[in-house]
Amino acid sequence: MRVLNKAIKVLVVDDLKSMREIIRNILRQLGIRDIDVAEDGSSAVPKLSEKSYDVALIDCNMPRMNGIELIKHIRSNEKLSPCPSS
């Protein structure tokens, strides 16, 4: 089942490998092919700096840098702050 016609870039940030795989599989079923993953906020920061994503799916409860800390980092960084968040 392909739902999307536009190629979008997604970053999945979750400390559980099984959850990252579940989300990746769902996204692929929706037709999304450009999917990157990170194990926590600390490993997501370099990815966000290197590549522009349309969507970031971020778990709140992670070690080292949790989801809330990652969102605060994104909002405080001039280069990343145009990233929509809610």
PDB file of N, CA and C in Angstrom:
ATOM      1  N   MET A   1       0.847  -1.175   0.000  1.00  0.00           N
ATOM      2  CA  MET A   1       0.000   0.000   0.000  1.00  0.00           C
ATOM      3  C   MET A   1       0.890   1.234   0.000  1.00  0.00           C
ATOM      4  N   ARG A   2       0.849   1.995  -1.044  1.00  0.00           N
ATOM      5  CA  ARG A   2       1.610   3.244  -1.130  1.00  0.00           C
ATOM      6  C   ARG A   2       0.634   4.391  -0.963  1.00  0.00           C
ATOM      7  N   VAL A   3       0.885   5.213   0.051  1.00  0.00           N
ATOM      8  CA  VAL A   3      -0.020   6.308   0.356  1.00  0.00           C
ATOM      9  C   VAL A   3       0.546   7.640  -0.127  1.00  0.00           C
ATOM     10  N   LEU A   4       1.847   7.801  -0.013  1.00  0.00           N
ATOM     11  CA  LEU A   4       2.463   9.082  -0.323  1.00  0.00           C
ATOM     12  C   LEU A   4       3.064   9.091  -1.723  1.00  0.00           C
ATOM     13  N   ASN A   5       2.874  10.188  -2.424  1.00  0.00           N
ATOM     14  CA  ASN A   5       3.482  10.355  -3.735  1.00  0.00           C
ATOM     15  C   ASN A   5       4.785  11.133  -3.639  1.00  0.00           C
ATOM     16  N   LYS A   6       4.924  11.938  -2.613  1.00  0.00           N
ATOM     17  CA  LYS A   6       6.105  12.773  -2.440  1.00  0.00           C
ATOM     18  C   LYS A   6       7.158  12.022  -1.637  1.00  0.00           C
ATOM     19  N   ALA A   7       8.402  12.115  -2.063  1.00  0.00           N
ATOM     20  CA  ALA A   7       9.498  11.515  -1.299  1.00  0.00           C
ATOM     21  C   ALA A   7       9.786  12.409  -0.092  1.00  0.00           C
ATOM     22  N   ILE A   8       9.635  11.859   1.090  1.00  0.00           N
ATOM     23  CA  ILE A   8       9.942  12.623   2.290  1.00  0.00           C
ATOM     24  C   ILE A   8      11.038  11.925   3.073  1.00  0.00           C
ATOM     25  N   LYS A   9      11.739  12.724   3.881  1.00  0.00           N
ATOM     26  CA  LYS A   9      12.843  12.215   4.691  1.00  0.00           C
ATOM     27  C   LYS A   9      12.397  12.185   6.148  1.00  0.00           C
ATOM     28  N   VAL A  10      12.567  11.027   6.794  1.00  0.00           N
ATOM     29  CA  VAL A  10      12.108  10.837   8.169  1.00  0.00           C
ATOM     30  C   VAL A  10      13.273  10.383   9.038  1.00  0.00           C
ATOM     31  N   LEU A  11      13.353  10.942  10.230  1.00  0.00           N
ATOM     32  CA  LEU A  11      14.300  10.493  11.248  1.00  0.00           C
ATOM     33  C   LEU A  11      13.502   9.895  12.390  1.00  0.00           C
ATOM     34  N   VAL A  12      13.795   8.646  12.738  1.00  0.00           N
ATOM     35  CA  VAL A  12      13.144   7.956  13.852  1.00  0.00           C
ATOM     36  C   VAL A  12      14.157   7.885  14.993  1.00  0.00           C
ATOM     37  N   VAL A  13      13.786   8.449  16.143  1.00  0.00           N
ATOM     38  CA  VAL A  13      14.682   8.473  17.302  1.00  0.00           C
ATOM     39  C   VAL A  13      14.011   7.707  18.436  1.00  0.00           C
ATOM     40  N   ASP A  14      14.568   6.542  18.749  1.00  0.00           N
ATOM     41  CA  ASP A  14      14.015   5.702  19.818  1.00  0.00           C
ATOM     42  C   ASP A  14      15.117   4.784  20.334  1.00  0.00           C
ATOM     43  N   ASP A  15      15.166   4.584  21.640  1.00  0.00           N
ATOM     44  CA  ASP A  15      16.211   3.744  22.213  1.00  0.00           C
ATOM     45  C   ASP A  15      15.940   2.254  22.041  1.00  0.00           C
ATOM     46  N   LEU A  16      14.721   1.872  21.732  1.00  0.00           N
ATOM     47  CA  LEU A  16      14.387   0.460  21.547  1.00  0.00           C
ATOM     48  C   LEU A  16      14.515   0.075  20.073  1.00  0.00           C
ATOM     49  N   LYS A  17      15.425  -0.849  19.797  1.00  0.00           N
ATOM     50  CA  LYS A  17      15.644  -1.286  18.418  1.00  0.00           C
ATOM     51  C   LYS A  17      14.362  -1.846  17.813  1.00  0.00           C
ATOM     52  N   SER A  18      13.602  -2.600  18.589  1.00  0.00           N
ATOM     53  CA  SER A  18      12.367  -3.193  18.066  1.00  0.00           C
ATOM     54  C   SER A  18      11.367  -2.109  17.651  1.00  0.00           C
ATOM     55  N   MET A  19      11.285  -1.039  18.424  1.00  0.00           N
ATOM     56  CA  MET A  19      10.375   0.056  18.088  1.00  0.00           C
ATOM     57  C   MET A  19      10.837   0.781  16.833  1.00  0.00           C
ATOM     58  N   ARG A  20      12.144   0.995  16.708  1.00  0.00           N
ATOM     59  CA  ARG A  20      12.669   1.627  15.486  1.00  0.00           C
ATOM     60  C   ARG A  20      12.303   0.796  14.262  1.00  0.00           C
ATOM     61  N   GLU A  21      12.419  -0.528  14.371  1.00  0.00           N
ATOM     62  CA  GLU A  21      12.104  -1.410  13.250  1.00  0.00           C
ATOM     63  C   GLU A  21      10.606  -1.414  12.938  1.00  0.00           C
ATOM     64  N   ILE A  22       9.765  -1.415  13.966  1.00  0.00           N
ATOM     65  CA  ILE A  22       8.317  -1.368  13.755  1.00  0.00           C
ATOM     66  C   ILE A  22       7.933  -0.092  13.017  1.00  0.00           C
ATOM     67  N   ILE A  23       8.452   1.036  13.486  1.00  0.00           N
ATOM     68  CA  ILE A  23       8.141   2.325  12.864  1.00  0.00           C
ATOM     69  C   ILE A  23       8.668   2.362  11.436  1.00  0.00           C
ATOM     70  N   ARG A  24       9.888   1.871  11.234  1.00  0.00           N
ATOM     71  CA  ARG A  24      10.464   1.851   9.887  1.00  0.00           C
ATOM     72  C   ARG A  24       9.598   1.007   8.944  1.00  0.00           C
ATOM     73  N   ASN A  25       9.135  -0.146   9.404  1.00  0.00           N
ATOM     74  CA  ASN A  25       8.292  -1.008   8.570  1.00  0.00           C
ATOM     75  C   ASN A  25       6.962  -0.346   8.221  1.00  0.00           C
ATOM     76  N   ILE A  26       6.354   0.332   9.183  1.00  0.00           N
ATOM     77  CA  ILE A  26       5.098   1.047   8.919  1.00  0.00           C
ATOM     78  C   ILE A  26       5.327   2.148   7.890  1.00  0.00           C
ATOM     79  N   LEU A  27       6.403   2.900   8.056  1.00  0.00           N
ATOM     80  CA  LEU A  27       6.710   3.979   7.112  1.00  0.00           C
ATOM     81  C   LEU A  27       6.946   3.429   5.706  1.00  0.00           C
ATOM     82  N   ARG A  28       7.645   2.306   5.623  1.00  0.00           N
ATOM     83  CA  ARG A  28       7.880   1.691   4.306  1.00  0.00           C
ATOM     84  C   ARG A  28       6.570   1.249   3.665  1.00  0.00           C
ATOM     85  N   GLN A  29       5.652   0.720   4.467  1.00  0.00           N
ATOM     86  CA  GLN A  29       4.345   0.319   3.935  1.00  0.00           C
ATOM     87  C   GLN A  29       3.587   1.532   3.392  1.00  0.00           C
ATOM     88  N   LEU A  30       3.863   2.704   3.961  1.00  0.00           N
ATOM     89  CA  LEU A  30       3.228   3.942   3.494  1.00  0.00           C
ATOM     90  C   LEU A  30       3.945   4.529   2.274  1.00  0.00           C
ATOM     91  N   GLY A  31       5.028   3.898   1.855  1.00  0.00           N
ATOM     92  CA  GLY A  31       5.738   4.355   0.678  1.00  0.00           C
ATOM     93  C   GLY A  31       6.927   5.241   0.965  1.00  0.00           C
ATOM     94  N   ILE A  32       7.287   5.389   2.224  1.00  0.00           N
ATOM     95  CA  ILE A  32       8.430   6.231   2.594  1.00  0.00           C
ATOM     96  C   ILE A  32       9.687   5.370   2.548  1.00  0.00           C
ATOM     97  N   ARG A  33      10.687   5.826   1.818  1.00  0.00           N
ATOM     98  CA  ARG A  33      11.917   5.056   1.659  1.00  0.00           C
ATOM     99  C   ARG A  33      13.132   5.706   2.312  1.00  0.00           C
ATOM    100  N   ASP A  34      13.113   7.015   2.468  1.00  0.00           N
ATOM    101  CA  ASP A  34      14.263   7.725   3.030  1.00  0.00           C
ATOM    102  C   ASP A  34      14.081   7.844   4.547  1.00  0.00           C
ATOM    103  N   ILE A  35      14.499   6.798   5.262  1.00  0.00           N
ATOM    104  CA  ILE A  35      14.304   6.713   6.709  1.00  0.00           C
ATOM    105  C   ILE A  35      15.654   6.494   7.376  1.00  0.00           C
ATOM    106  N   ASP A  36      15.994   7.380   8.297  1.00  0.00           N
ATOM    107  CA  ASP A  36      17.193   7.211   9.116  1.00  0.00           C
ATOM    108  C   ASP A  36      16.755   6.981  10.551  1.00  0.00           C
ATOM    109  N   VAL A  37      17.618   6.339  11.336  1.00  0.00           N
ATOM    110  CA  VAL A  37      17.298   6.064  12.735  1.00  0.00           C
ATOM    111  C   VAL A  37      18.434   6.515  13.638  1.00  0.00           C
ATOM    112  N   ALA A  38      18.075   6.821  14.883  1.00  0.00           N
ATOM    113  CA  ALA A  38      19.048   7.165  15.914  1.00  0.00           C
ATOM    114  C   ALA A  38      18.586   6.532  17.224  1.00  0.00           C
ATOM    115  N   GLU A  39      19.536   6.138  18.052  1.00  0.00           N
ATOM    116  CA  GLU A  39      19.239   5.427  19.300  1.00  0.00           C
ATOM    117  C   GLU A  39      18.829   6.348  20.440  1.00  0.00           C
ATOM    118  N   ASP A  40      19.192   7.608  20.352  1.00  0.00           N
ATOM    119  CA  ASP A  40      18.822   8.584  21.381  1.00  0.00           C
ATOM    120  C   ASP A  40      19.088   9.978  20.845  1.00  0.00           C
ATOM    121  N   GLY A  41      18.781  10.980  21.651  1.00  0.00           N
ATOM    122  CA  GLY A  41      18.958  12.356  21.214  1.00  0.00           C
ATOM    123  C   GLY A  41      20.388  12.693  20.851  1.00  0.00           C
ATOM    124  N   SER A  42      21.334  12.151  21.629  1.00  0.00           N
ATOM    125  CA  SER A  42      22.749  12.432  21.363  1.00  0.00           C
ATOM    126  C   SER A  42      23.185  11.941  19.993  1.00  0.00           C
ATOM    127  N   SER A  43      22.681  10.798  19.571  1.00  0.00           N
ATOM    128  CA  SER A  43      23.057  10.294  18.246  1.00  0.00           C
ATOM    129  C   SER A  43      22.196  10.909  17.137  1.00  0.00           C
ATOM    130  N   ALA A  44      21.099  11.547  17.507  1.00  0.00           N
ATOM    131  CA  ALA A  44      20.255  12.220  16.511  1.00  0.00           C
ATOM    132  C   ALA A  44      20.808  13.587  16.128  1.00  0.00           C
ATOM    133  N   VAL A  45      21.476  14.260  17.052  1.00  0.00           N
ATOM    134  CA  VAL A  45      21.973  15.621  16.802  1.00  0.00           C
ATOM    135  C   VAL A  45      22.866  15.688  15.561  1.00  0.00           C
ATOM    136  N   PRO A  46      23.878  14.824  15.425  1.00  0.00           N
ATOM    137  CA  PRO A  46      24.700  14.909  14.206  1.00  0.00           C
ATOM    138  C   PRO A  46      23.903  14.630  12.932  1.00  0.00           C
ATOM    139  N   LYS A  47      22.951  13.713  12.997  1.00  0.00           N
ATOM    140  CA  LYS A  47      22.133  13.412  11.823  1.00  0.00           C
ATOM    141  C   LYS A  47      21.308  14.631  11.420  1.00  0.00           C
ATOM    142  N   LEU A  48      20.740  15.313  12.409  1.00  0.00           N
ATOM    143  CA  LEU A  48      19.941  16.511  12.131  1.00  0.00           C
ATOM    144  C   LEU A  48      20.800  17.631  11.554  1.00  0.00           C
ATOM    145  N   SER A  49      22.077  17.667  11.937  1.00  0.00           N
ATOM    146  CA  SER A  49      22.982  18.701  11.430  1.00  0.00           C
ATOM    147  C   SER A  49      23.449  18.404  10.012  1.00  0.00           C
ATOM    148  N   GLU A  50      23.514  17.120   9.666  1.00  0.00           N
ATOM    149  CA  GLU A  50      24.035  16.709   8.369  1.00  0.00           C
ATOM    150  C   GLU A  50      22.977  16.671   7.272  1.00  0.00           C
ATOM    151  N   LYS A  51      21.712  16.471   7.657  1.00  0.00           N
ATOM    152  CA  LYS A  51      20.669  16.242   6.673  1.00  0.00           C
ATOM    153  C   LYS A  51      19.392  16.952   7.097  1.00  0.00           C
ATOM    154  N   SER A  52      18.642  17.423   6.131  1.00  0.00           N
ATOM    155  CA  SER A  52      17.367  18.074   6.406  1.00  0.00           C
ATOM    156  C   SER A  52      16.252  17.025   6.346  1.00  0.00           C
ATOM    157  N   TYR A  53      15.455  16.934   7.414  1.00  0.00           N
ATOM    158  CA  TYR A  53      14.359  15.970   7.482  1.00  0.00           C
ATOM    159  C   TYR A  53      13.022  16.690   7.410  1.00  0.00           C
ATOM    160  N   ASP A  54      12.054  16.022   6.814  1.00  0.00           N
ATOM    161  CA  ASP A  54      10.694  16.540   6.776  1.00  0.00           C
ATOM    162  C   ASP A  54       9.962  16.227   8.073  1.00  0.00           C
ATOM    163  N   VAL A  55      10.285  15.080   8.672  1.00  0.00           N
ATOM    164  CA  VAL A  55       9.611  14.618   9.887  1.00  0.00           C
ATOM    165  C   VAL A  55      10.638  13.941  10.791  1.00  0.00           C
ATOM    166  N   ALA A  56      10.529  14.210  12.085  1.00  0.00           N
ATOM    167  CA  ALA A  56      11.308  13.485  13.090  1.00  0.00           C
ATOM    168  C   ALA A  56      10.324  12.892  14.093  1.00  0.00           C
ATOM    169  N   LEU A  57      10.357  11.575  14.237  1.00  0.00           N
ATOM    170  CA  LEU A  57       9.532  10.884  15.222  1.00  0.00           C
ATOM    171  C   LEU A  57      10.433  10.596  16.412  1.00  0.00           C
ATOM    172  N   ILE A  58      10.166  11.264  17.542  1.00  0.00           N
ATOM    173  CA  ILE A  58      11.089  11.255  18.676  1.00  0.00           C
ATOM    174  C   ILE A  58      10.419  10.683  19.907  1.00  0.00           C
ATOM    175  N   ASP A  59      11.035   9.642  20.475  1.00  0.00           N
ATOM    176  CA  ASP A  59      10.590   9.066  21.733  1.00  0.00           C
ATOM    177  C   ASP A  59      10.968  10.035  22.857  1.00  0.00           C
ATOM    178  N   CYS A  60      10.130  10.143  23.856  1.00  0.00           N
ATOM    179  CA  CYS A  60      10.418  11.047  24.986  1.00  0.00           C
ATOM    180  C   CYS A  60      11.367  10.428  26.001  1.00  0.00           C
ATOM    181  N   ASN A  61      11.215   9.134  26.262  1.00  0.00           N
ATOM    182  CA  ASN A  61      11.945   8.489  27.336  1.00  0.00           C
ATOM    183  C   ASN A  61      13.123   7.692  26.782  1.00  0.00           C
ATOM    184  N   MET A  62      14.307   8.338  26.743  1.00  0.00           N
ATOM    185  CA  MET A  62      15.514   7.698  26.243  1.00  0.00           C
ATOM    186  C   MET A  62      16.682   8.052  27.156  1.00  0.00           C
ATOM    187  N   PRO A  63      17.727   7.224  27.174  1.00  0.00           N
ATOM    188  CA  PRO A  63      18.911   7.551  27.962  1.00  0.00           C
ATOM    189  C   PRO A  63      19.743   8.647  27.298  1.00  0.00           C
ATOM    190  N   ARG A  64      20.712   9.134  28.003  1.00  0.00           N
ATOM    191  CA  ARG A  64      21.670  10.173  27.581  1.00  0.00           C
ATOM    192  C   ARG A  64      20.979  11.490  27.252  1.00  0.00           C
ATOM    193  N   MET A  65      20.270  11.589  26.159  1.00  0.00           N
ATOM    194  CA  MET A  65      19.519  12.791  25.830  1.00  0.00           C
ATOM    195  C   MET A  65      18.105  12.354  25.457  1.00  0.00           C
ATOM    196  N   ASN A  66      17.128  12.694  26.300  1.00  0.00           N
ATOM    197  CA  ASN A  66      15.755  12.261  26.031  1.00  0.00           C
ATOM    198  C   ASN A  66      15.106  13.141  24.958  1.00  0.00           C
ATOM    199  N   GLY A  67      13.887  12.815  24.603  1.00  0.00           N
ATOM    200  CA  GLY A  67      13.194  13.529  23.531  1.00  0.00           C
ATOM    201  C   GLY A  67      12.954  14.998  23.814  1.00  0.00           C
ATOM    202  N   ILE A  68      12.615  15.309  25.060  1.00  0.00           N
ATOM    203  CA  ILE A  68      12.379  16.718  25.422  1.00  0.00           C
ATOM    204  C   ILE A  68      13.671  17.510  25.299  1.00  0.00           C
ATOM    205  N   GLU A  69      14.771  16.937  25.760  1.00  0.00           N
ATOM    206  CA  GLU A  69      16.070  17.614  25.642  1.00  0.00           C
ATOM    207  C   GLU A  69      16.451  17.793  24.177  1.00  0.00           C
ATOM    208  N   LEU A  70      16.149  16.812  23.352  1.00  0.00           N
ATOM    209  CA  LEU A  70      16.449  16.918  21.920  1.00  0.00           C
ATOM    210  C   LEU A  70      15.629  18.038  21.286  1.00  0.00           C
ATOM    211  N   ILE A  71      14.363  18.120  21.609  1.00  0.00           N
ATOM    212  CA  ILE A  71      13.522  19.192  21.062  1.00  0.00           C
ATOM    213  C   ILE A  71      14.022  20.561  21.514  1.00  0.00           C
ATOM    214  N   LYS A  72      14.423  20.672  22.777  1.00  0.00           N
ATOM    215  CA  LYS A  72      14.991  21.939  23.268  1.00  0.00           C
ATOM    216  C   LYS A  72      16.260  22.287  22.494  1.00  0.00           C
ATOM    217  N   HIS A  73      17.084  21.276  22.212  1.00  0.00           N
ATOM    218  CA  HIS A  73      18.306  21.505  21.448  1.00  0.00           C
ATOM    219  C   HIS A  73      17.964  21.994  20.035  1.00  0.00           C
ATOM    220  N   ILE A  74      16.984  21.366  19.410  1.00  0.00           N
ATOM    221  CA  ILE A  74      16.581  21.766  18.056  1.00  0.00           C
ATOM    222  C   ILE A  74      16.095  23.210  18.057  1.00  0.00           C
ATOM    223  N   ARG A  75      15.260  23.556  19.019  1.00  0.00           N
ATOM    224  CA  ARG A  75      14.698  24.913  19.077  1.00  0.00           C
ATOM    225  C   ARG A  75      15.751  25.977  19.388  1.00  0.00           C
ATOM    226  N   SER A  76      16.802  25.603  20.124  1.00  0.00           N
ATOM    227  CA  SER A  76      17.822  26.578  20.505  1.00  0.00           C
ATOM    228  C   SER A  76      18.921  26.720  19.463  1.00  0.00           C
ATOM    229  N   ASN A  77      18.969  25.828  18.491  1.00  0.00           N
ATOM    230  CA  ASN A  77      20.003  25.851  17.470  1.00  0.00           C
ATOM    231  C   ASN A  77      19.485  26.610  16.248  1.00  0.00           C
ATOM    232  N   GLU A  78      20.162  27.699  15.901  1.00  0.00           N
ATOM    233  CA  GLU A  78      19.714  28.530  14.772  1.00  0.00           C
ATOM    234  C   GLU A  78      19.590  27.753  13.477  1.00  0.00           C
ATOM    235  N   LYS A  79      20.508  26.809  13.279  1.00  0.00           N
ATOM    236  CA  LYS A  79      20.506  26.028  12.039  1.00  0.00           C
ATOM    237  C   LYS A  79      19.320  25.064  11.993  1.00  0.00           C
ATOM    238  N   LEU A  80      18.881  24.577  13.157  1.00  0.00           N
ATOM    239  CA  LEU A  80      17.796  23.595  13.211  1.00  0.00           C
ATOM    240  C   LEU A  80      16.463  24.189  13.579  1.00  0.00           C
ATOM    241  N   SER A  81      16.424  25.398  14.125  1.00  0.00           N
ATOM    242  CA  SER A  81      15.177  25.971  14.640  1.00  0.00           C
ATOM    243  C   SER A  81      14.070  26.145  13.608  1.00  0.00           C
ATOM    244  N   PRO A  82      14.365  26.294  12.294  1.00  0.00           N
ATOM    245  CA  PRO A  82      13.248  26.352  11.338  1.00  0.00           C
ATOM    246  C   PRO A  82      12.464  25.040  11.248  1.00  0.00           C
ATOM    247  N   CYS A  83      12.998  23.977  11.832  1.00  0.00           N
ATOM    248  CA  CYS A  83      12.321  22.684  11.826  1.00  0.00           C
ATOM    249  C   CYS A  83      10.992  22.823  12.567  1.00  0.00           C
ATOM    250  N   PRO A  84       9.873  22.490  11.908  1.00  0.00           N
ATOM    251  CA  PRO A  84       8.580  22.619  12.588  1.00  0.00           C
ATOM    252  C   PRO A  84       8.481  21.659  13.766  1.00  0.00           C
ATOM    253  N   SER A  85       7.903  22.123  14.857  1.00  0.00           N
ATOM    254  CA  SER A  85       7.716  21.251  16.026  1.00  0.00           C
ATOM    255  C   SER A  85       6.445  21.663  16.722  1.00  0.00           C
ATOM    256  N   SER A  86       5.852  20.691  17.392  1.00  0.00           N
ATOM    257  CA  SER A  86       4.667  20.993  18.170  1.00  0.00           C
ATOM    258  C   SER A  86       4.549  20.029  19.317  1.00  0.00           C
TER     259      SER A  86
END
